[in-house]
Amino acid sequence: MFENYPDIMSVKQVSEALCIGINSAYELINNKSIGSRKVGRKILVPKPCVIDFAEAARYTVNNNTGLLSAGKEE
């Protein structure tokens, strides 16, 4: 899964891999649905964190925003 992406991904690469907009990718990272580390001004996302999110049965679509989120449905 995601063989064409590097082991450490940028937010842009995360958005491309998940076929979502970059703002949605930032939101998933900021609310810690996808694990990441900030190094200086860069946000780095390990590929296993993206895979975990994609494979998780716990993610849901928020009916109000249309965004994916981890955890309980609101």
PDB file of N, CA and C in Angstrom:
ATOM      1  N   MET A   1       0.850  -1.178   0.000  1.00  0.00           N
ATOM      2  CA  MET A   1       0.000   0.000   0.000  1.00  0.00           C
ATOM      3  C   MET A   1       0.895   1.241   0.000  1.00  0.00           C
ATOM      4  N   PHE A   2       0.594   2.171  -0.866  1.00  0.00           N
ATOM      5  CA  PHE A   2       1.333   3.428  -0.991  1.00  0.00           C
ATOM      6  C   PHE A   2       2.804   3.193  -1.350  1.00  0.00           C
ATOM      7  N   GLU A   3       3.078   2.198  -2.199  1.00  0.00           N
ATOM      8  CA  GLU A   3       4.457   1.872  -2.576  1.00  0.00           C
ATOM      9  C   GLU A   3       5.158   3.027  -3.278  1.00  0.00           C
ATOM     10  N   ASN A   4       4.409   3.866  -3.964  1.00  0.00           N
ATOM     11  CA  ASN A   4       5.004   4.961  -4.733  1.00  0.00           C
ATOM     12  C   ASN A   4       5.325   6.186  -3.883  1.00  0.00           C
ATOM     13  N   TYR A   5       5.113   6.106  -2.592  1.00  0.00           N
ATOM     14  CA  TYR A   5       5.366   7.241  -1.702  1.00  0.00           C
ATOM     15  C   TYR A   5       6.550   6.945  -0.807  1.00  0.00           C
ATOM     16  N   PRO A   6       7.289   8.000  -0.399  1.00  0.00           N
ATOM     17  CA  PRO A   6       8.454   7.788   0.473  1.00  0.00           C
ATOM     18  C   PRO A   6       8.025   7.374   1.885  1.00  0.00           C
ATOM     19  N   ASP A   7       8.995   6.890   2.664  1.00  0.00           N
ATOM     20  CA  ASP A   7       8.713   6.454   4.031  1.00  0.00           C
ATOM     21  C   ASP A   7       8.293   7.615   4.927  1.00  0.00           C
ATOM     22  N   ILE A   8       8.783   8.805   4.642  1.00  0.00           N
ATOM     23  CA  ILE A   8       8.385  10.017   5.355  1.00  0.00           C
ATOM     24  C   ILE A   8       7.716  10.923   4.332  1.00  0.00           C
ATOM     25  N   MET A   9       6.443  11.252   4.590  1.00  0.00           N
ATOM     26  CA  MET A   9       5.639  11.978   3.602  1.00  0.00           C
ATOM     27  C   MET A   9       5.385  13.418   4.041  1.00  0.00           C
ATOM     28  N   SER A  10       5.199  14.287   3.056  1.00  0.00           N
ATOM     29  CA  SER A  10       4.768  15.661   3.315  1.00  0.00           C
ATOM     30  C   SER A  10       3.238  15.671   3.396  1.00  0.00           C
ATOM     31  N   VAL A  11       2.685  16.779   3.822  1.00  0.00           N
ATOM     32  CA  VAL A  11       1.227  16.899   3.888  1.00  0.00           C
ATOM     33  C   VAL A  11       0.632  16.792   2.486  1.00  0.00           C
ATOM     34  N   LYS A  12       1.304  17.360   1.507  1.00  0.00           N
ATOM     35  CA  LYS A  12       0.829  17.276   0.122  1.00  0.00           C
ATOM     36  C   LYS A  12       0.779  15.819  -0.333  1.00  0.00           C
ATOM     37  N   GLN A  13       1.800  15.053  -0.018  1.00  0.00           N
ATOM     38  CA  GLN A  13       1.820  13.638  -0.391  1.00  0.00           C
ATOM     39  C   GLN A  13       0.732  12.853   0.332  1.00  0.00           C
ATOM     40  N   VAL A  14       0.471  13.197   1.585  1.00  0.00           N
ATOM     41  CA  VAL A  14      -0.615  12.544   2.334  1.00  0.00           C
ATOM     42  C   VAL A  14      -1.943  12.816   1.644  1.00  0.00           C
ATOM     43  N   SER A  15      -2.169  14.058   1.252  1.00  0.00           N
ATOM     44  CA  SER A  15      -3.435  14.403   0.596  1.00  0.00           C
ATOM     45  C   SER A  15      -3.581  13.658  -0.724  1.00  0.00           C
ATOM     46  N   GLU A  16      -2.486  13.533  -1.474  1.00  0.00           N
ATOM     47  CA  GLU A  16      -2.531  12.786  -2.734  1.00  0.00           C
ATOM     48  C   GLU A  16      -2.785  11.302  -2.498  1.00  0.00           C
ATOM     49  N   ALA A  17      -2.110  10.731  -1.507  1.00  0.00           N
ATOM     50  CA  ALA A  17      -2.241   9.299  -1.224  1.00  0.00           C
ATOM     51  C   ALA A  17      -3.655   8.936  -0.797  1.00  0.00           C
ATOM     52  N   LEU A  18      -4.292   9.821  -0.022  1.00  0.00           N
ATOM     53  CA  LEU A  18      -5.641   9.545   0.481  1.00  0.00           C
ATOM     54  C   LEU A  18      -6.733  10.110  -0.433  1.00  0.00           C
ATOM     55  N   CYS A  19      -6.329  10.760  -1.515  1.00  0.00           N
ATOM     56  CA  CYS A  19      -7.286  11.379  -2.451  1.00  0.00           C
ATOM     57  C   CYS A  19      -8.217  12.360  -1.749  1.00  0.00           C
ATOM     58  N   ILE A  20      -7.616  13.218  -0.930  1.00  0.00           N
ATOM     59  CA  ILE A  20      -8.365  14.262  -0.230  1.00  0.00           C
ATOM     60  C   ILE A  20      -7.658  15.585  -0.497  1.00  0.00           C
ATOM     61  N   GLY A  21      -8.323  16.665  -0.182  1.00  0.00           N
ATOM     62  CA  GLY A  21      -7.726  17.981  -0.342  1.00  0.00           C
ATOM     63  C   GLY A  21      -6.660  18.232   0.704  1.00  0.00           C
ATOM     64  N   ILE A  22      -5.800  19.184   0.410  1.00  0.00           N
ATOM     65  CA  ILE A  22      -4.705  19.478   1.331  1.00  0.00           C
ATOM     66  C   ILE A  22      -5.231  20.038   2.657  1.00  0.00           C
ATOM     67  N   ASN A  23      -6.314  20.811   2.617  1.00  0.00           N
ATOM     68  CA  ASN A  23      -6.885  21.333   3.864  1.00  0.00           C
ATOM     69  C   ASN A  23      -7.417  20.204   4.736  1.00  0.00           C
ATOM     70  N   SER A  24      -8.011  19.192   4.112  1.00  0.00           N
ATOM     71  CA  SER A  24      -8.492  18.030   4.871  1.00  0.00           C
ATOM     72  C   SER A  24      -7.322  17.267   5.474  1.00  0.00           C
ATOM     73  N   ALA A  25      -6.230  17.157   4.729  1.00  0.00           N
ATOM     74  CA  ALA A  25      -5.040  16.484   5.252  1.00  0.00           C
ATOM     75  C   ALA A  25      -4.491  17.232   6.459  1.00  0.00           C
ATOM     76  N   TYR A  26      -4.412  18.564   6.361  1.00  0.00           N
ATOM     77  CA  TYR A  26      -3.953  19.355   7.505  1.00  0.00           C
ATOM     78  C   TYR A  26      -4.875  19.155   8.713  1.00  0.00           C
ATOM     79  N   GLU A  27      -6.172  19.117   8.479  1.00  0.00           N
ATOM     80  CA  GLU A  27      -7.109  18.944   9.590  1.00  0.00           C
ATOM     81  C   GLU A  27      -6.923  17.582  10.259  1.00  0.00           C
ATOM     82  N   LEU A  28      -6.762  16.521   9.470  1.00  0.00           N
ATOM     83  CA  LEU A  28      -6.547  15.192  10.036  1.00  0.00           C
ATOM     84  C   LEU A  28      -5.252  15.134  10.845  1.00  0.00           C
ATOM     85  N   ILE A  29      -4.234  15.832  10.371  1.00  0.00           N
ATOM     86  CA  ILE A  29      -2.958  15.866  11.084  1.00  0.00           C
ATOM     87  C   ILE A  29      -3.081  16.715  12.347  1.00  0.00           C
ATOM     88  N   ASN A  30      -3.726  17.869  12.241  1.00  0.00           N
ATOM     89  CA  ASN A  30      -3.858  18.760  13.392  1.00  0.00           C
ATOM     90  C   ASN A  30      -4.723  18.178  14.505  1.00  0.00           C
ATOM     91  N   ASN A  31      -5.746  17.377  14.145  1.00  0.00           N
ATOM     92  CA  ASN A  31      -6.570  16.780  15.206  1.00  0.00           C
ATOM     93  C   ASN A  31      -6.057  15.400  15.608  1.00  0.00           C
ATOM     94  N   LYS A  32      -4.838  15.076  15.150  1.00  0.00           N
ATOM     95  CA  LYS A  32      -4.115  13.868  15.521  1.00  0.00           C
ATOM     96  C   LYS A  32      -4.770  12.568  15.074  1.00  0.00           C
ATOM     97  N   SER A  33      -5.591  12.648  14.027  1.00  0.00           N
ATOM     98  CA  SER A  33      -6.128  11.432  13.428  1.00  0.00           C
ATOM     99  C   SER A  33      -5.033  10.694  12.657  1.00  0.00           C
ATOM    100  N   ILE A  34      -4.048  11.450  12.171  1.00  0.00           N
ATOM    101  CA  ILE A  34      -2.879  10.886  11.501  1.00  0.00           C
ATOM    102  C   ILE A  34      -1.661  11.395  12.265  1.00  0.00           C
ATOM    103  N   GLY A  35      -0.815  10.472  12.683  1.00  0.00           N
ATOM    104  CA  GLY A  35       0.383  10.844  13.439  1.00  0.00           C
ATOM    105  C   GLY A  35       1.374  11.607  12.586  1.00  0.00           C
ATOM    106  N   SER A  36       2.081  12.538  13.209  1.00  0.00           N
ATOM    107  CA  SER A  36       3.071  13.336  12.489  1.00  0.00           C
ATOM    108  C   SER A  36       4.061  13.944  13.478  1.00  0.00           C
ATOM    109  N   ARG A  37       5.116  14.511  12.935  1.00  0.00           N
ATOM    110  CA  ARG A  37       6.098  15.255  13.718  1.00  0.00           C
ATOM    111  C   ARG A  37       6.370  16.560  12.993  1.00  0.00           C
ATOM    112  N   LYS A  38       6.557  17.606  13.762  1.00  0.00           N
ATOM    113  CA  LYS A  38       6.918  18.890  13.188  1.00  0.00           C
ATOM    114  C   LYS A  38       8.410  19.093  13.420  1.00  0.00           C
ATOM    115  N   VAL A  39       9.133  19.323  12.331  1.00  0.00           N
ATOM    116  CA  VAL A  39      10.567  19.576  12.393  1.00  0.00           C
ATOM    117  C   VAL A  39      10.792  20.943  11.768  1.00  0.00           C
ATOM    118  N   GLY A  40      11.101  21.896  12.617  1.00  0.00           N
ATOM    119  CA  GLY A  40      11.183  23.274  12.128  1.00  0.00           C
ATOM    120  C   GLY A  40       9.804  23.708  11.677  1.00  0.00           C
ATOM    121  N   ARG A  41       9.692  24.115  10.434  1.00  0.00           N
ATOM    122  CA  ARG A  41       8.400  24.532   9.880  1.00  0.00           C
ATOM    123  C   ARG A  41       7.728  23.417   9.087  1.00  0.00           C
ATOM    124  N   LYS A  42       8.411  22.292   8.944  1.00  0.00           N
ATOM    125  CA  LYS A  42       7.877  21.190   8.140  1.00  0.00           C
ATOM    126  C   LYS A  42       7.093  20.208   8.997  1.00  0.00           C
ATOM    127  N   ILE A  43       6.027  19.687   8.436  1.00  0.00           N
ATOM    128  CA  ILE A  43       5.273  18.609   9.054  1.00  0.00           C
ATOM    129  C   ILE A  43       5.647  17.337   8.309  1.00  0.00           C
ATOM    130  N   LEU A  44       6.161  16.356   9.044  1.00  0.00           N
ATOM    131  CA  LEU A  44       6.576  15.092   8.460  1.00  0.00           C
ATOM    132  C   LEU A  44       5.656  13.986   8.961  1.00  0.00           C
ATOM    133  N   VAL A  45       5.201  13.153   8.035  1.00  0.00           N
ATOM    134  CA  VAL A  45       4.241  12.106   8.369  1.00  0.00           C
ATOM    135  C   VAL A  45       4.840  10.759   7.967  1.00  0.00           C
ATOM    136  N   PRO A  46       5.097   9.884   8.950  1.00  0.00           N
ATOM    137  CA  PRO A  46       5.586   8.548   8.603  1.00  0.00           C
ATOM    138  C   PRO A  46       4.520   7.771   7.833  1.00  0.00           C
ATOM    139  N   LYS A  47       4.945   7.061   6.798  1.00  0.00           N
ATOM    140  CA  LYS A  47       4.009   6.298   5.979  1.00  0.00           C
ATOM    141  C   LYS A  47       3.172   5.317   6.809  1.00  0.00           C
ATOM    142  N   PRO A  48       3.739   4.651   7.833  1.00  0.00           N
ATOM    143  CA  PRO A  48       2.896   3.752   8.636  1.00  0.00           C
ATOM    144  C   PRO A  48       1.710   4.452   9.301  1.00  0.00           C
ATOM    145  N   CYS A  49       1.844   5.730   9.632  1.00  0.00           N
ATOM    146  CA  CYS A  49       0.727   6.468  10.221  1.00  0.00           C
ATOM    147  C   CYS A  49      -0.403   6.654   9.205  1.00  0.00           C
ATOM    148  N   VAL A  50      -0.042   6.893   7.959  1.00  0.00           N
ATOM    149  CA  VAL A  50      -1.045   7.039   6.898  1.00  0.00           C
ATOM    150  C   VAL A  50      -1.714   5.694   6.638  1.00  0.00           C
ATOM    151  N   ILE A  51      -0.922   4.626   6.612  1.00  0.00           N
ATOM    152  CA  ILE A  51      -1.461   3.285   6.397  1.00  0.00           C
ATOM    153  C   ILE A  51      -2.404   2.907   7.534  1.00  0.00           C
ATOM    154  N   ASP A  52      -1.999   3.182   8.776  1.00  0.00           N
ATOM    155  CA  ASP A  52      -2.858   2.884   9.929  1.00  0.00           C
ATOM    156  C   ASP A  52      -4.188   3.599   9.814  1.00  0.00           C
ATOM    157  N   PHE A  53      -4.157   4.866   9.416  1.00  0.00           N
ATOM    158  CA  PHE A  53      -5.391   5.621   9.270  1.00  0.00           C
ATOM    159  C   PHE A  53      -6.270   5.029   8.177  1.00  0.00           C
ATOM    160  N   ALA A  54      -5.658   4.694   7.040  1.00  0.00           N
ATOM    161  CA  ALA A  54      -6.424   4.169   5.904  1.00  0.00           C
ATOM    162  C   ALA A  54      -7.026   2.803   6.211  1.00  0.00           C
ATOM    163  N   GLU A  55      -6.323   1.985   6.978  1.00  0.00           N
ATOM    164  CA  GLU A  55      -6.803   0.638   7.287  1.00  0.00           C
ATOM    165  C   GLU A  55      -7.753   0.592   8.477  1.00  0.00           C
ATOM    166  N   ALA A  56      -7.804   1.659   9.244  1.00  0.00           N
ATOM    167  CA  ALA A  56      -8.596   1.659  10.474  1.00  0.00           C
ATOM    168  C   ALA A  56     -10.082   1.562  10.173  1.00  0.00           C
ATOM    169  N   ALA A  57     -10.742   0.709  10.897  1.00  0.00           N
ATOM    170  CA  ALA A  57     -12.197   0.586  10.754  1.00  0.00           C
ATOM    171  C   ALA A  57     -12.899   1.667  11.557  1.00  0.00           C
ATOM    172  N   ARG A  58     -12.130   2.429  12.324  1.00  0.00           N
ATOM    173  CA  ARG A  58     -12.736   3.414  13.218  1.00  0.00           C
ATOM    174  C   ARG A  58     -12.935   4.781  12.577  1.00  0.00           C
ATOM    175  N   TYR A  59     -12.455   4.993  11.341  1.00  0.00           N
ATOM    176  CA  TYR A  59     -12.626   6.327  10.773  1.00  0.00           C
ATOM    177  C   TYR A  59     -14.036   6.493  10.227  1.00  0.00           C
ATOM    178  N   THR A  60     -14.532   7.706  10.328  1.00  0.00           N
ATOM    179  CA  THR A  60     -15.897   8.018   9.912  1.00  0.00           C
ATOM    180  C   THR A  60     -15.897   9.322   9.134  1.00  0.00           C
ATOM    181  N   VAL A  61     -16.957   9.568   8.422  1.00  0.00           N
ATOM    182  CA  VAL A  61     -17.138  10.839   7.724  1.00  0.00           C
ATOM    183  C   VAL A  61     -18.070  11.693   8.564  1.00  0.00           C
ATOM    184  N   ASN A  62     -17.613  12.887   8.901  1.00  0.00           N
ATOM    185  CA  ASN A  62     -18.428  13.830   9.646  1.00  0.00           C
ATOM    186  C   ASN A  62     -19.477  14.387   8.693  1.00  0.00           C
ATOM    187  N   ASN A  63     -20.741  14.171   9.004  1.00  0.00           N
ATOM    188  CA  ASN A  63     -21.818  14.609   8.112  1.00  0.00           C
ATOM    189  C   ASN A  63     -21.899  16.126   7.982  1.00  0.00           C
ATOM    190  N   ASN A  64     -21.412  16.847   8.991  1.00  0.00           N
ATOM    191  CA  ASN A  64     -21.468  18.307   8.936  1.00  0.00           C
ATOM    192  C   ASN A  64     -20.397  18.898   8.028  1.00  0.00           C
ATOM    193  N   THR A  65     -19.186  18.309   8.071  1.00  0.00           N
ATOM    194  CA  THR A  65     -18.085  18.879   7.296  1.00  0.00           C
ATOM    195  C   THR A  65     -17.703  18.039   6.096  1.00  0.00           C
ATOM    196  N   GLY A  66     -18.090  16.762   6.086  1.00  0.00           N
ATOM    197  CA  GLY A  66     -17.701  15.873   5.011  1.00  0.00           C
ATOM    198  C   GLY A  66     -16.280  15.365   5.142  1.00  0.00           C
ATOM    199  N   LEU A  67     -15.614  15.664   6.273  1.00  0.00           N
ATOM    200  CA  LEU A  67     -14.231  15.266   6.474  1.00  0.00           C
ATOM    201  C   LEU A  67     -14.144  13.931   7.185  1.00  0.00           C
ATOM    202  N   LEU A  68     -13.088  13.218   6.910  1.00  0.00           N
ATOM    203  CA  LEU A  68     -12.808  11.978   7.628  1.00  0.00           C
ATOM    204  C   LEU A  68     -12.253  12.324   8.996  1.00  0.00           C
ATOM    205  N   SER A  69     -12.622  11.556   9.990  1.00  0.00           N
ATOM    206  CA  SER A  69     -12.052  11.750  11.307  1.00  0.00           C
ATOM    207  C   SER A  69     -11.978  10.415  12.013  1.00  0.00           C
ATOM    208  N   ALA A  70     -11.069  10.330  12.954  1.00  0.00           N
ATOM    209  CA  ALA A  70     -10.938   9.102  13.728  1.00  0.00           C
ATOM    210  C   ALA A  70     -11.766   9.229  14.992  1.00  0.00           C
ATOM    211  N   GLY A  71     -12.204   8.112  15.490  1.00  0.00           N
ATOM    212  CA  GLY A  71     -12.957   8.133  16.745  1.00  0.00           C
ATOM    213  C   GLY A  71     -14.423   7.912  16.514  1.00  0.00           C
ATOM    214  N   LYS A  72     -15.205   8.304  17.521  1.00  0.00           N
ATOM    215  CA  LYS A  72     -16.643   8.094  17.477  1.00  0.00           C
ATOM    216  C   LYS A  72     -17.322   9.019  16.487  1.00  0.00           C
ATOM    217  N   GLU A  73     -18.416   8.540  15.925  1.00  0.00           N
ATOM    218  CA  GLU A  73     -19.209   9.369  15.038  1.00  0.00           C
ATOM    219  C   GLU A  73     -19.929  10.425  15.859  1.00  0.00           C
ATOM    220  N   GLU A  74     -19.975  11.628  15.340  1.00  0.00           N
ATOM    221  CA  GLU A  74     -20.621  12.727  16.078  1.00  0.00           C
ATOM    222  C   GLU A  74     -22.106  12.771  15.823  1.00  0.00           C
TER     223      GLU A  74
END
